Amino acid sequence: MPEGIHQSHPTIVKRLKRAQGHLTAVLAMFDAHRPCVDLAQQLHAVESAISSAKRELIHDHIEHCITDTAEGGGSSLSELKQLAKYL
């Protein structure tokens, strides 16, 4: 795969597109004046989907890129610290 592209990226993109569709549905729910409890539930689902995608991306990066960086003599600790702020 090209540099910067991981095997997990297509799965993450699918997950984010689903979240995007969910968010579009939530916006329509606002227009339809749906109850706040329904809106909060659906927003929670969108937030969970995005958090899950982010977590998968970070874990994949740690597993593949940081390990490769450390093996190649790079500064993996610096990169790990940079990623940690997004967890």
C-alpha atoms as a PDB file:
ATOM      1  CA  MET A   1       0.000   0.000   0.000  1.00  0.00           C
ATOM      2  CA  PRO A   2       1.170   3.580  -0.569  1.00  0.00           C
ATOM      3  CA  GLU A   3       2.935   5.280   2.326  1.00  0.00           C
ATOM      4  CA  GLY A   4       0.484   6.762   4.803  1.00  0.00           C
ATOM      5  CA  ILE A   5      -2.278   4.332   3.782  1.00  0.00           C
ATOM      6  CA  HIS A   6      -2.990   1.426   6.103  1.00  0.00           C
ATOM      7  CA  GLN A   7      -5.095  -1.682   5.651  1.00  0.00           C
ATOM      8  CA  SER A   8      -7.552  -0.337   8.219  1.00  0.00           C
ATOM      9  CA  HIS A   9      -8.221   2.925   6.338  1.00  0.00           C
ATOM     10  CA  PRO A  10     -10.999   1.602   4.054  1.00  0.00           C
ATOM     11  CA  THR A  11     -12.838   0.219   7.099  1.00  0.00           C
ATOM     12  CA  ILE A  12     -12.426   3.505   8.944  1.00  0.00           C
ATOM     13  CA  VAL A  13     -13.702   5.461   5.929  1.00  0.00           C
ATOM     14  CA  LYS A  14     -16.802   3.223   5.757  1.00  0.00           C
ATOM     15  CA  ARG A  15     -17.415   3.787   9.467  1.00  0.00           C
ATOM     16  CA  LEU A  16     -17.076   7.559   9.059  1.00  0.00           C
ATOM     17  CA  LYS A  17     -19.412   7.606   6.051  1.00  0.00           C
ATOM     18  CA  ARG A  18     -21.986   5.767   8.154  1.00  0.00           C
ATOM     19  CA  ALA A  19     -21.531   8.367  10.895  1.00  0.00           C
ATOM     20  CA  GLN A  20     -21.933  11.095   8.281  1.00  0.00           C
ATOM     21  CA  GLY A  21     -25.240   9.558   7.195  1.00  0.00           C
ATOM     22  CA  HIS A  22     -26.322   9.349  10.813  1.00  0.00           C
ATOM     23  CA  LEU A  23     -25.457  13.018  11.327  1.00  0.00           C
ATOM     24  CA  THR A  24     -27.482  13.978   8.267  1.00  0.00           C
ATOM     25  CA  ALA A  25     -30.407  12.058   9.746  1.00  0.00           C
ATOM     26  CA  VAL A  26     -29.969  13.882  13.058  1.00  0.00           C
ATOM     27  CA  LEU A  27     -30.116  17.234  11.282  1.00  0.00           C
ATOM     28  CA  ALA A  28     -33.358  16.131   9.614  1.00  0.00           C
ATOM     29  CA  MET A  29     -34.658  15.131  13.047  1.00  0.00           C
ATOM     30  CA  PHE A  30     -34.024  18.686  14.248  1.00  0.00           C
ATOM     31  CA  ASP A  31     -35.983  20.028  11.279  1.00  0.00           C
ATOM     32  CA  ALA A  32     -38.801  17.624  12.133  1.00  0.00           C
ATOM     33  CA  HIS A  33     -38.835  18.874  15.742  1.00  0.00           C
ATOM     34  CA  ARG A  34     -38.173  15.421  17.174  1.00  0.00           C
ATOM     35  CA  PRO A  35     -37.961  15.075  20.960  1.00  0.00           C
ATOM     36  CA  CYS A  36     -34.676  16.065  22.598  1.00  0.00           C
ATOM     37  CA  VAL A  37     -34.210  12.574  24.035  1.00  0.00           C
ATOM     38  CA  ASP A  38     -34.293  11.100  20.516  1.00  0.00           C
ATOM     39  CA  LEU A  39     -31.850  13.746  19.297  1.00  0.00           C
ATOM     40  CA  ALA A  40     -29.460  13.139  22.188  1.00  0.00           C
ATOM     41  CA  GLN A  41     -29.579   9.382  21.576  1.00  0.00           C
ATOM     42  CA  GLN A  42     -28.738   9.762  17.904  1.00  0.00           C
ATOM     43  CA  LEU A  43     -26.007  12.337  18.573  1.00  0.00           C
ATOM     44  CA  HIS A  44     -24.500   9.897  21.049  1.00  0.00           C
ATOM     45  CA  ALA A  45     -24.475   7.233  18.319  1.00  0.00           C
ATOM     46  CA  VAL A  46     -22.693   9.624  15.929  1.00  0.00           C
ATOM     47  CA  GLU A  47     -20.166  10.570  18.590  1.00  0.00           C
ATOM     48  CA  SER A  48     -19.513   6.907  19.434  1.00  0.00           C
ATOM     49  CA  ALA A  49     -18.991   6.014  15.777  1.00  0.00           C
ATOM     50  CA  ILE A  50     -16.486   8.830  15.293  1.00  0.00           C
ATOM     51  CA  SER A  51     -14.657   8.000  18.531  1.00  0.00           C
ATOM     52  CA  SER A  52     -14.449   4.366  17.502  1.00  0.00           C
ATOM     53  CA  ALA A  53     -12.998   5.302  14.101  1.00  0.00           C
ATOM     54  CA  LYS A  54     -10.450   7.608  15.741  1.00  0.00           C
ATOM     55  CA  ARG A  55      -9.434   4.923  18.235  1.00  0.00           C
ATOM     56  CA  GLU A  56      -9.002   2.346  15.457  1.00  0.00           C
ATOM     57  CA  LEU A  57      -6.883   4.776  13.435  1.00  0.00           C
ATOM     58  CA  ILE A  58      -4.636   5.587  16.404  1.00  0.00           C
ATOM     59  CA  HIS A  59      -4.245   1.951  17.458  1.00  0.00           C
ATOM     60  CA  ASP A  60      -3.405   0.960  13.879  1.00  0.00           C
ATOM     61  CA  HIS A  61      -0.859   3.763  13.646  1.00  0.00           C
ATOM     62  CA  ILE A  62       0.754   2.755  16.940  1.00  0.00           C
ATOM     63  CA  GLU A  63       0.885  -0.881  15.895  1.00  0.00           C
ATOM     64  CA  HIS A  64       2.324  -0.322  12.433  1.00  0.00           C
ATOM     65  CA  CYS A  65       3.979   3.061  12.129  1.00  0.00           C
ATOM     66  CA  ILE A  66       5.420   3.665  15.568  1.00  0.00           C
ATOM     67  CA  THR A  67       6.763   0.128  15.741  1.00  0.00           C
ATOM     68  CA  ASP A  68       8.354   0.618  12.311  1.00  0.00           C
ATOM     69  CA  THR A  69       9.774   3.977  13.388  1.00  0.00           C
ATOM     70  CA  ALA A  70      11.316   2.461  16.528  1.00  0.00           C
ATOM     71  CA  GLU A  71      12.809  -0.418  14.546  1.00  0.00           C
ATOM     72  CA  GLY A  72      14.253   2.051  12.049  1.00  0.00           C
ATOM     73  CA  GLY A  73      15.895   4.095  14.785  1.00  0.00           C
ATOM     74  CA  GLY A  74      13.354   6.937  14.686  1.00  0.00           C
ATOM     75  CA  SER A  75      11.845   8.872  17.552  1.00  0.00           C
ATOM     76  CA  SER A  76       8.793   6.771  18.363  1.00  0.00           C
ATOM     77  CA  LEU A  77       8.389   8.192  21.896  1.00  0.00           C
ATOM     78  CA  SER A  78       7.897  11.692  20.516  1.00  0.00           C
ATOM     79  CA  GLU A  79       5.288  10.482  18.055  1.00  0.00           C
ATOM     80  CA  LEU A  80       3.497   8.462  20.733  1.00  0.00           C
ATOM     81  CA  LYS A  81       3.298  11.546  22.969  1.00  0.00           C
ATOM     82  CA  GLN A  82       1.873  13.521  20.069  1.00  0.00           C
ATOM     83  CA  LEU A  83      -0.798  10.857  19.466  1.00  0.00           C
ATOM     84  CA  ALA A  84      -1.673  10.537  23.157  1.00  0.00           C
ATOM     85  CA  LYS A  85      -3.356  13.946  23.188  1.00  0.00           C
ATOM     86  CA  TYR A  86      -5.979  12.581  20.774  1.00  0.00           C
ATOM     87  CA  LEU A  87      -6.904   9.542  22.849  1.00  0.00           C
END
